[in-house]
Amino acid sequence: MPVINERHQELKRRRHRKKVYAKFKAKLAKNPSNDEKRKMAGKLRKLTPAAEELIQRWNLES
């Protein structure tokens, strides 16, 4: 069974986050409801340690 080194794991995580960010930005362009924004903020918090900065930048929570 092949073992992925740390660098490859981090690259894989970055690529995944990039895809998720693109999906969230597409949803934000459609003017989502406050409930949808709250759900997106929760998912971002699970996805990345820099979530609070992104939530403020994207105006997901007031």
Protein backbone atom coordinates (compact mmCIF):
# COMPACT_ATOMS: atom_id res chain seq x y z
CA MET A 1 0.00 0.00 0.00
CA PRO A 2 1.62 3.29 -1.07
CA VAL A 3 2.14 5.98 1.53
CA ILE A 4 1.50 9.64 0.73
CA ASN A 5 4.09 11.94 2.22
CA GLU A 6 3.13 15.11 4.09
CA ARG A 7 3.69 17.40 1.11
CA HIS A 8 1.33 15.41 -1.10
CA GLN A 9 -1.29 15.29 1.64
CA GLU A 10 -1.17 19.06 2.00
CA LEU A 11 -1.43 19.57 -1.77
CA LYS A 12 -4.42 17.26 -1.86
CA ARG A 13 -6.10 19.24 0.95
CA ARG A 14 -5.40 22.54 -0.84
CA ARG A 15 -6.89 21.30 -4.09
CA HIS A 16 -9.99 20.08 -2.28
CA ARG A 17 -10.41 23.41 -0.47
CA LYS A 18 -10.05 25.26 -3.77
CA LYS A 19 -12.90 23.21 -5.27
CA VAL A 20 -15.11 23.80 -2.25
CA TYR A 21 -14.37 27.54 -2.29
CA ALA A 22 -15.39 27.69 -5.95
CA LYS A 23 -18.71 26.00 -5.14
CA PHE A 24 -19.36 28.40 -2.25
CA LYS A 25 -18.54 31.44 -4.38
CA ALA A 26 -20.97 30.22 -7.05
CA LYS A 27 -23.69 29.87 -4.40
CA LEU A 28 -22.91 33.34 -3.04
CA ALA A 29 -23.35 34.81 -6.51
CA LYS A 30 -26.95 33.54 -6.49
CA ASN A 31 -27.76 35.59 -3.35
CA PRO A 32 -28.47 32.78 -0.83
CA SER A 33 -30.76 33.09 2.18
CA ASN A 34 -29.39 33.69 5.68
CA ASP A 35 -29.93 30.03 6.56
CA GLU A 36 -27.84 28.90 3.59
CA LYS A 37 -25.12 31.38 4.53
CA ARG A 38 -25.07 30.00 8.08
CA LYS A 39 -24.68 26.45 6.75
CA MET A 40 -21.84 27.53 4.47
CA ALA A 41 -20.08 29.22 7.39
CA GLY A 42 -20.34 26.02 9.44
CA LYS A 43 -18.87 23.97 6.61
CA LEU A 44 -16.03 26.47 6.19
CA ARG A 45 -15.20 26.20 9.90
CA LYS A 46 -14.82 22.44 9.51
CA LEU A 47 -12.79 22.80 6.33
CA THR A 48 -10.05 25.26 7.26
CA PRO A 49 -8.44 27.02 10.21
CA ALA A 50 -8.66 30.36 8.33
CA ALA A 51 -12.45 30.11 8.23
CA GLU A 52 -13.20 33.20 10.32
CA GLU A 53 -11.30 35.43 7.91
CA LEU A 54 -13.16 33.97 4.93
CA ILE A 55 -16.52 34.31 6.68
CA GLN A 56 -15.88 37.99 7.28
CA ARG A 57 -14.55 38.58 3.77
CA TRP A 58 -17.55 36.84 2.15
CA ASN A 59 -20.08 38.42 4.59
CA LEU A 60 -21.55 35.07 5.61
CA GLU A 61 -22.46 36.07 9.16
CA SER A 62 -23.21 39.43 10.64
